Amino acid sequence: MEQRAGRRWTVVSLAVAVGVLVAATALFVVLYVQKQNDIGQLAERIETTERSIADRTARLGTVKSTVEELDAERSRLTSTNTELRACTTATKDSIAAAQRADKTAFDAAMAKAFINCRR
């Protein structure tokens, strides 16, 4: 009878060990599947972020070119403004000289007007 009890004890302990190993395997499978889902979701988020960065980089390039165009336009307008102010100043001086009947000042102002108002 002792042999049977010893065998039963061995079988029971092996069955418990197998049960523990099966439970541990099931736990590892569940954890593995969960981590694979997490990795998949993270990969999708990374892909979405990369697309967003690419879109914003393209938009930034467009904005930079627009800024460069606007800077060129501002520079051109500043130059035109300077030329027109010189013309206006010479014209105002010629009108003031004409009202004073100062022929010398009028001639000098008109010479400046012809130089600065070449449009």
Protein backbone atom coordinates (compact mmCIF):
# COMPACT_ATOMS: atom_id res chain seq x y z
CA MET A 1 0.00 0.00 0.00
CA GLU A 2 2.89 2.30 0.63
CA GLN A 3 3.96 1.89 -2.96
CA ARG A 4 0.54 2.95 -4.15
CA ALA A 5 0.54 5.95 -1.82
CA GLY A 6 4.02 6.86 -3.04
CA ARG A 7 2.93 6.54 -6.62
CA ARG A 8 -0.18 8.56 -5.98
CA TRP A 9 1.92 11.27 -4.33
CA THR A 10 4.23 11.31 -7.34
CA VAL A 11 1.33 11.45 -9.79
CA VAL A 12 -0.43 14.19 -7.83
CA SER A 13 2.74 16.26 -7.52
CA LEU A 14 3.47 15.82 -11.25
CA ALA A 15 -0.12 16.77 -12.08
CA VAL A 16 0.18 19.90 -9.91
CA ALA A 17 3.52 20.76 -11.56
CA VAL A 18 1.99 20.28 -15.03
CA GLY A 19 -1.00 22.43 -13.99
CA VAL A 20 1.31 25.18 -12.77
CA LEU A 21 3.33 25.01 -15.99
CA VAL A 22 0.15 25.14 -18.13
CA ALA A 23 -1.12 28.12 -16.14
CA ALA A 24 2.24 29.89 -16.48
CA THR A 25 2.27 29.16 -20.23
CA ALA A 26 -1.26 30.56 -20.58
CA LEU A 27 -0.22 33.66 -18.64
CA PHE A 28 2.81 34.20 -20.87
CA VAL A 29 0.68 33.74 -24.01
CA VAL A 30 -1.83 36.33 -22.76
CA LEU A 31 0.95 38.78 -21.90
CA TYR A 32 2.64 38.19 -25.26
CA VAL A 33 -0.59 38.86 -27.18
CA GLN A 34 -1.23 42.02 -25.17
CA LYS A 35 2.27 43.32 -25.84
CA GLN A 36 1.94 42.55 -29.54
CA ASN A 37 -1.27 44.63 -29.60
CA ASP A 38 0.51 47.44 -27.74
CA ILE A 39 3.40 47.30 -30.22
CA GLY A 40 0.96 47.44 -33.16
CA GLN A 41 -0.85 50.44 -31.69
CA LEU A 42 2.44 52.18 -30.99
CA ALA A 43 3.62 51.54 -34.56
CA GLU A 44 0.38 53.11 -35.87
CA ARG A 45 0.87 56.16 -33.64
CA ILE A 46 4.46 56.52 -34.82
CA GLU A 47 3.34 56.31 -38.45
CA THR A 48 0.65 58.93 -37.85
CA THR A 49 3.15 61.21 -36.14
CA GLU A 50 5.66 60.79 -38.97
CA ARG A 51 2.98 61.71 -41.53
CA SER A 52 2.02 64.74 -39.46
CA ILE A 53 5.65 65.83 -39.25
CA ALA A 54 6.07 65.40 -43.01
CA ASP A 55 2.93 67.47 -43.64
CA ARG A 56 4.09 70.20 -41.31
CA THR A 57 7.55 70.20 -42.85
CA ALA A 58 6.00 70.68 -46.29
CA ARG A 59 3.80 73.47 -44.93
CA LEU A 60 6.85 75.09 -43.32
CA GLY A 61 8.65 75.02 -46.67
CA THR A 62 5.68 76.73 -48.31
CA VAL A 63 5.53 79.35 -45.58
CA LYS A 64 9.27 80.01 -45.84
CA SER A 65 9.04 80.54 -49.60
CA THR A 66 6.09 82.88 -49.06
CA VAL A 67 8.09 84.83 -46.49
CA GLU A 68 11.01 85.09 -48.92
CA GLU A 69 8.67 86.36 -51.64
CA LEU A 70 7.15 88.89 -49.25
CA ASP A 71 10.61 90.06 -48.16
CA ALA A 72 11.57 90.59 -51.80
CA GLU A 73 8.33 92.51 -52.40
CA ARG A 74 8.91 94.63 -49.27
CA SER A 75 12.43 95.41 -50.44
CA ARG A 76 11.15 96.39 -53.88
CA LEU A 77 8.42 98.59 -52.36
CA THR A 78 10.90 100.24 -50.00
CA SER A 79 13.12 101.08 -52.96
CA THR A 80 10.16 102.47 -54.93
CA ASN A 81 9.05 104.47 -51.88
CA THR A 82 12.53 106.01 -51.54
CA GLU A 83 12.54 106.98 -55.23
CA LEU A 84 9.06 108.50 -55.02
CA ARG A 85 9.91 110.47 -51.87
CA ALA A 86 12.96 111.96 -53.61
CA CYS A 87 10.74 112.96 -56.54
CA THR A 88 8.11 114.41 -54.20
CA THR A 89 10.68 116.43 -52.28
CA ALA A 90 12.16 117.88 -55.48
CA THR A 91 8.68 118.69 -56.79
CA LYS A 92 7.65 120.40 -53.54
CA ASP A 93 10.89 122.42 -53.62
CA SER A 94 10.19 123.54 -57.21
CA ILE A 95 6.63 124.61 -56.28
CA ALA A 96 7.91 126.54 -53.26
CA ALA A 97 10.62 128.23 -55.40
CA ALA A 98 8.03 129.15 -58.06
CA GLN A 99 5.76 130.67 -55.42
CA ARG A 100 8.69 132.72 -54.12
CA ALA A 101 9.67 133.61 -57.70
CA ASP A 102 13.21 132.40 -56.99
CA LYS A 103 14.47 131.43 -60.45
CA THR A 104 17.78 129.97 -59.23
CA ALA A 105 16.11 127.75 -56.60
CA PHE A 106 13.40 126.81 -59.09
CA ASP A 107 15.98 125.75 -61.71
CA ALA A 108 17.91 123.72 -59.13
CA ALA A 109 14.69 122.07 -57.85
CA MET A 110 13.55 121.27 -61.40
CA ALA A 111 16.94 119.72 -62.19
CA LYS A 112 16.50 117.49 -59.12
CA ALA A 113 12.93 116.73 -60.17
CA PHE A 114 14.04 115.67 -63.67
CA ILE A 115 16.70 113.40 -62.10
CA ASN A 116 14.46 111.91 -59.40
CA CYS A 117 11.16 111.79 -61.31
CA ARG A 118 12.26 109.70 -64.26
CA ARG A 119 9.08 107.68 -64.54
